[in-house]
Amino acid sequence: MGSSAKKKKEKQKDFQPSNPVGTIALLNKILPLVSDSSTPVRAQLLKLLQTLPRDEIKHSTEHASMYIRAGMTHLSADISNDSLAVMEWLLEVAGSELVNCPGGWVKTLGTFCAMMGWAVSSSNGGWTSATRTSMKAKDAQTLAKQITALSRFLQAGFADESSQVESSSQYWDVLYRVPRAPNSFEYLNLSGARRDEEGEMYSNRAARQEIFCKRFFDAISKGLDKAKKEGGATGRAASSMEQVLKNGLADFEPSTAMDTQDLLDLW
């Protein structure tokens, strides 16, 4: 009996589910369910997403992030919380692709701030979110999860790019090869054209650091100060995220046009 059960278990382990339509086609069909009104549907969606091949998901990162961001700012708290779980899944399987894709850095940071009630204003007529007026136990627990997820997102965005070079040959290849990415030298702004900061690709750490400090540092640092005063899980999550910011911005050199006083105050 024991031997039979063992064989059955091994057989189930070797079984690999097939997907005849392909991962990308499947994602196009199921991603709208991120904001579905049914809790069981959203729960099953997350389970299904976790079974998909990671390497194939990376090709749909930008598409997936749009649905996830919409769910995170949904009026329903349950949908928002479940969408945060999907965001954590995407960070796990394609974090680097997320922070590098068009809109993946700025729009996602804006979504986190909107969801958490950390006010962000834009000089070009952007939105401003309302601040939290109360903090119940359930709200504090939710905020702690949101801060933890945002910390993981920031870690992906501030990751040391040199650590991704696996061998000496890859290092020299990256150093001297002609860039193949579209608009590789766009950060120089040689044309002088007006930049779309929200939808732009920030394909290197320095660019992500610059726009983060310009648009989000003040709101996030103030939000962290309030969160630390709450204590408990929220305070611990805020303290951990503050350390992530210190590590991620330790080598950042702001431009001369940027006001750095708030940046210096945090340290």
Protein backbone atom coordinates (compact mmCIF):
# COMPACT_ATOMS: atom_id res chain seq x y z
CA MET A 1 0.00 0.00 0.00
CA GLY A 2 2.81 2.36 0.89
CA SER A 3 4.68 1.58 -2.33
CA SER A 4 1.55 2.18 -4.41
CA ALA A 5 0.93 5.55 -2.78
CA LYS A 6 4.55 6.51 -3.38
CA LYS A 7 4.33 5.65 -7.08
CA LYS A 8 1.11 7.62 -7.39
CA LYS A 9 2.76 10.62 -5.76
CA GLU A 10 5.75 10.42 -8.11
CA LYS A 11 3.43 10.16 -11.09
CA GLN A 12 1.58 13.31 -10.02
CA LYS A 13 4.89 15.09 -9.54
CA ASP A 14 6.06 14.20 -13.06
CA PHE A 15 2.79 15.37 -14.61
CA GLN A 16 3.13 18.69 -16.41
CA PRO A 17 -0.10 20.45 -17.41
CA SER A 18 -0.23 21.50 -21.05
CA ASN A 19 -1.36 24.86 -22.36
CA PRO A 20 -2.36 24.54 -26.03
CA VAL A 21 -3.14 28.27 -26.49
CA GLY A 22 0.17 29.57 -25.14
CA THR A 23 0.94 31.73 -22.10
CA ILE A 24 0.61 35.11 -23.81
CA ALA A 25 -2.79 34.29 -25.31
CA LEU A 26 -3.96 32.91 -21.97
CA LEU A 27 -2.84 36.01 -20.10
CA ASN A 28 -4.73 38.23 -22.54
CA LYS A 29 -7.92 36.36 -21.61
CA ILE A 30 -7.53 36.09 -17.85
CA LEU A 31 -5.83 39.34 -16.80
CA PRO A 32 -9.12 41.34 -16.85
CA LEU A 33 -10.23 39.02 -14.02
CA VAL A 34 -7.83 40.85 -11.68
CA SER A 35 -10.69 43.29 -11.00
CA ASP A 36 -13.47 40.71 -11.11
CA SER A 37 -16.20 41.25 -8.52
CA SER A 38 -16.13 37.61 -7.38
CA THR A 39 -13.65 36.79 -4.62
CA PRO A 40 -13.40 33.06 -5.54
CA VAL A 41 -12.65 34.02 -9.16
CA ARG A 42 -9.80 36.29 -8.07
CA ALA A 43 -8.43 33.61 -5.75
CA GLN A 44 -8.42 31.01 -8.54
CA LEU A 45 -6.85 33.52 -10.91
CA LEU A 46 -3.85 33.97 -8.61
CA LYS A 47 -3.43 30.21 -8.31
CA LEU A 48 -3.53 29.87 -12.09
CA LEU A 49 -0.99 32.65 -12.58
CA GLN A 50 1.40 30.96 -10.18
CA THR A 51 1.44 27.83 -12.37
CA LEU A 52 2.46 29.63 -15.58
CA PRO A 53 6.07 29.42 -16.88
CA ARG A 54 8.09 32.35 -15.58
CA ASP A 55 10.15 32.82 -18.72
CA GLU A 56 7.02 33.23 -20.83
CA ILE A 57 5.36 35.68 -18.42
CA LYS A 58 8.22 38.14 -18.84
CA HIS A 59 7.11 38.90 -22.39
CA SER A 60 3.72 40.14 -21.12
CA THR A 61 4.94 42.18 -18.15
CA GLU A 62 3.81 45.55 -19.48
CA HIS A 63 0.37 44.21 -20.41
CA ALA A 64 -0.06 42.52 -17.04
CA SER A 65 1.03 45.58 -15.08
CA MET A 66 -1.75 47.72 -16.57
CA TYR A 67 -4.49 45.40 -15.27
CA ILE A 68 -2.78 45.00 -11.91
CA ARG A 69 -2.42 48.76 -11.40
CA ALA A 70 -6.10 49.23 -12.25
CA GLY A 71 -7.03 46.62 -9.66
CA MET A 72 -4.80 48.11 -6.97
CA THR A 73 -6.61 51.46 -7.17
CA HIS A 74 -10.09 49.89 -7.36
CA LEU A 75 -12.75 51.37 -5.08
CA SER A 76 -13.33 47.92 -3.57
CA ALA A 77 -10.83 47.26 -0.77
CA ASP A 78 -11.06 43.50 -1.37
CA ILE A 79 -10.20 43.85 -5.05
CA SER A 80 -7.39 46.25 -4.22
CA ASN A 81 -5.90 43.85 -1.69
CA ASP A 82 -6.16 40.86 -4.03
CA SER A 83 -4.58 42.90 -6.83
CA LEU A 84 -1.68 43.64 -4.51
CA ALA A 85 -1.13 39.89 -4.20
CA VAL A 86 -1.01 39.67 -8.00
CA MET A 87 1.53 42.51 -8.03
CA GLU A 88 3.69 40.56 -5.59
CA TRP A 89 3.49 37.57 -7.93
CA LEU A 90 4.58 39.71 -10.87
CA LEU A 91 7.48 41.13 -8.86
CA GLU A 92 8.59 37.61 -8.04
CA VAL A 93 8.52 36.31 -11.62
CA ALA A 94 9.39 39.47 -13.59
CA GLY A 95 10.52 42.22 -11.23
CA SER A 96 13.36 43.41 -13.44
CA GLU A 97 11.13 43.50 -16.51
CA LEU A 98 8.46 45.42 -14.61
CA VAL A 99 10.71 48.30 -13.54
CA ASN A 100 12.19 48.50 -17.06
CA CYS A 101 9.03 48.37 -19.18
CA PRO A 102 7.24 51.56 -20.43
CA GLY A 103 5.33 53.05 -17.51
CA GLY A 104 6.45 50.23 -15.25
CA TRP A 105 8.44 52.45 -12.89
CA VAL A 106 6.63 55.79 -12.58
CA LYS A 107 3.06 54.57 -13.11
CA THR A 108 3.50 51.74 -10.62
CA LEU A 109 5.00 54.06 -8.01
CA GLY A 110 2.06 56.41 -8.54
CA THR A 111 -0.35 53.51 -8.12
CA PHE A 112 1.24 52.46 -4.84
CA CYS A 113 1.03 56.02 -3.51
CA ALA A 114 -2.61 56.37 -4.57
CA MET A 115 -3.53 53.05 -2.98
CA MET A 116 -1.77 53.90 0.29
CA GLY A 117 -3.10 57.45 0.52
CA TRP A 118 0.33 59.03 0.27
CA ALA A 119 -0.32 62.36 -1.47
CA VAL A 120 1.52 62.93 -4.73
CA SER A 121 1.08 66.06 -6.79
CA SER A 122 2.33 66.80 -10.27
CA SER A 123 3.26 70.16 -11.79
CA ASN A 124 1.49 69.25 -15.04
CA GLY A 125 -1.93 68.94 -13.46
CA GLY A 126 -1.62 65.45 -12.06
CA TRP A 127 -3.74 63.87 -9.34
CA THR A 128 -3.46 64.28 -5.60
CA SER A 129 -4.59 61.51 -3.29
CA ALA A 130 -6.33 61.99 0.03
CA THR A 131 -4.42 61.25 3.21
CA ARG A 132 -5.56 58.65 5.72
CA THR A 133 -7.59 60.10 8.57
CA SER A 134 -7.81 56.99 10.76
CA MET A 135 -5.97 53.73 11.24
CA LYS A 136 -8.00 50.78 12.43
CA ALA A 137 -6.36 47.43 13.13
CA LYS A 138 -7.40 46.01 9.76
CA ASP A 139 -6.22 49.15 7.97
CA ALA A 140 -2.85 48.97 9.74
CA GLN A 141 -2.40 45.35 8.67
CA THR A 142 -3.28 46.23 5.08
CA LEU A 143 -0.89 49.19 5.07
CA ALA A 144 1.91 46.96 6.37
CA LYS A 145 1.38 44.59 3.42
CA GLN A 146 1.32 47.50 1.00
CA ILE A 147 4.57 48.92 2.38
CA THR A 148 6.21 45.50 2.16
CA ALA A 149 5.16 45.11 -1.47
CA LEU A 150 6.38 48.62 -2.30
CA SER A 151 9.70 47.80 -0.64
CA ARG A 152 10.11 44.80 -2.92
CA PHE A 153 9.29 46.96 -5.92
CA LEU A 154 11.88 49.55 -4.90
CA GLN A 155 14.47 46.83 -4.35
CA ALA A 156 13.89 45.65 -7.92
CA GLY A 157 14.19 49.20 -9.24
CA PHE A 158 17.30 50.09 -7.22
CA ALA A 159 19.05 46.75 -7.78
CA ASP A 160 22.73 46.96 -8.62
CA GLU A 161 22.83 46.30 -12.35
CA SER A 162 26.47 45.21 -12.27
CA SER A 163 25.50 42.19 -10.14
CA GLN A 164 23.44 40.85 -13.01
CA VAL A 165 26.58 40.21 -15.11
CA GLU A 166 27.23 36.50 -14.66
CA SER A 167 30.60 36.07 -16.38
CA SER A 168 33.65 37.96 -17.59
CA SER A 169 32.69 37.54 -21.24
CA GLN A 170 29.21 38.90 -20.55
CA TYR A 171 30.74 41.88 -18.75
CA TRP A 172 32.85 42.96 -21.73
CA ASP A 173 29.95 42.29 -24.07
CA VAL A 174 27.67 44.60 -22.07
CA LEU A 175 30.41 47.23 -21.76
CA TYR A 176 31.30 47.57 -25.44
CA ARG A 177 28.39 46.33 -27.53
CA VAL A 178 26.17 48.75 -29.44
CA PRO A 179 22.91 49.26 -27.48
CA ARG A 180 19.96 47.47 -29.08
CA ALA A 181 17.20 48.89 -26.90
CA PRO A 182 14.97 51.52 -28.53
CA ASN A 183 15.99 55.10 -27.68
CA SER A 184 19.06 53.89 -25.78
CA PHE A 185 20.42 57.43 -25.39
CA GLU A 186 17.09 59.12 -24.73
CA TYR A 187 18.20 60.00 -21.22
CA LEU A 188 20.51 62.62 -22.80
CA ASN A 189 17.44 64.40 -24.20
CA LEU A 190 19.47 65.52 -27.22
CA SER A 191 16.38 66.45 -29.22
CA GLY A 192 15.04 68.70 -26.50
CA ALA A 193 11.55 67.23 -26.91
CA ARG A 194 9.14 67.22 -23.99
CA ARG A 195 9.35 63.97 -22.09
CA ASP A 196 6.48 61.73 -21.05
CA GLU A 197 7.72 60.87 -17.59
CA GLU A 198 4.89 58.50 -16.73
CA GLY A 199 4.98 56.33 -19.83
CA GLU A 200 8.72 56.43 -20.33
CA MET A 201 11.08 53.47 -19.99
CA TYR A 202 13.65 53.89 -17.21
CA SER A 203 16.07 51.19 -18.24
CA ASN A 204 18.90 51.98 -15.83
CA ARG A 205 19.23 52.45 -12.11
CA ALA A 206 20.41 56.07 -12.24
CA ALA A 207 17.38 57.15 -14.28
CA ARG A 208 15.01 55.40 -11.87
CA GLN A 209 16.74 57.02 -8.89
CA GLU A 210 16.48 60.47 -10.48
CA ILE A 211 12.77 60.35 -11.29
CA PHE A 212 11.96 58.72 -7.94
CA CYS A 213 13.61 61.53 -5.99
CA LYS A 214 12.04 64.15 -8.24
CA ARG A 215 8.45 62.92 -8.03
CA PHE A 216 7.99 60.46 -5.16
CA PHE A 217 10.65 60.88 -2.49
CA ASP A 218 8.85 63.61 -0.56
CA ALA A 219 5.46 61.86 -0.47
CA ILE A 220 6.90 58.45 0.39
CA SER A 221 9.23 59.74 3.10
CA LYS A 222 6.34 61.61 4.76
CA GLY A 223 4.17 58.51 4.50
CA LEU A 224 6.89 56.42 6.13
CA ASP A 225 7.21 58.89 9.01
CA LYS A 226 3.49 58.56 9.75
CA ALA A 227 3.58 54.79 9.36
CA LYS A 228 6.45 54.42 11.83
CA LYS A 229 4.41 56.25 14.45
CA GLU A 230 1.71 53.58 14.16
CA GLY A 231 4.10 50.98 15.55
CA GLY A 232 3.45 47.25 15.29
CA ALA A 233 3.68 45.53 11.90
CA THR A 234 3.15 48.83 10.10
CA GLY A 235 6.00 50.53 11.93
CA ARG A 236 8.34 47.60 11.32
CA ALA A 237 7.48 47.52 7.61
CA ALA A 238 8.08 51.28 7.39
CA SER A 239 11.47 50.99 9.11
CA SER A 240 12.49 48.18 6.75
CA MET A 241 11.45 50.23 3.74
CA GLU A 242 13.37 53.24 5.01
CA GLN A 243 16.48 51.05 5.02
CA VAL A 244 15.69 49.96 1.45
CA LEU A 245 15.59 53.62 0.44
CA LYS A 246 18.89 54.37 2.16
CA ASN A 247 20.59 51.46 0.44
CA GLY A 248 18.99 52.17 -2.92
CA LEU A 249 19.88 55.87 -2.93
CA ALA A 250 23.26 55.66 -1.20
CA ASP A 251 25.18 56.25 -4.43
CA PHE A 252 22.69 58.67 -5.97
CA GLU A 253 24.03 62.04 -7.09
CA PRO A 254 21.15 64.45 -7.78
CA SER A 255 21.36 66.97 -10.57
CA THR A 256 22.12 70.60 -9.70
CA ALA A 257 18.59 71.62 -10.70
CA MET A 258 17.08 69.39 -8.08
CA ASP A 259 16.32 70.49 -4.53
CA THR A 260 18.09 67.94 -2.30
CA GLN A 261 17.22 69.29 1.14
CA ASP A 262 14.41 66.77 1.76
CA LEU A 263 16.65 64.00 0.50
CA LEU A 264 19.34 64.95 2.98
CA ASP A 265 16.84 65.22 5.84
CA LEU A 266 15.97 61.51 5.66
CA TRP A 267 19.56 60.47 6.22
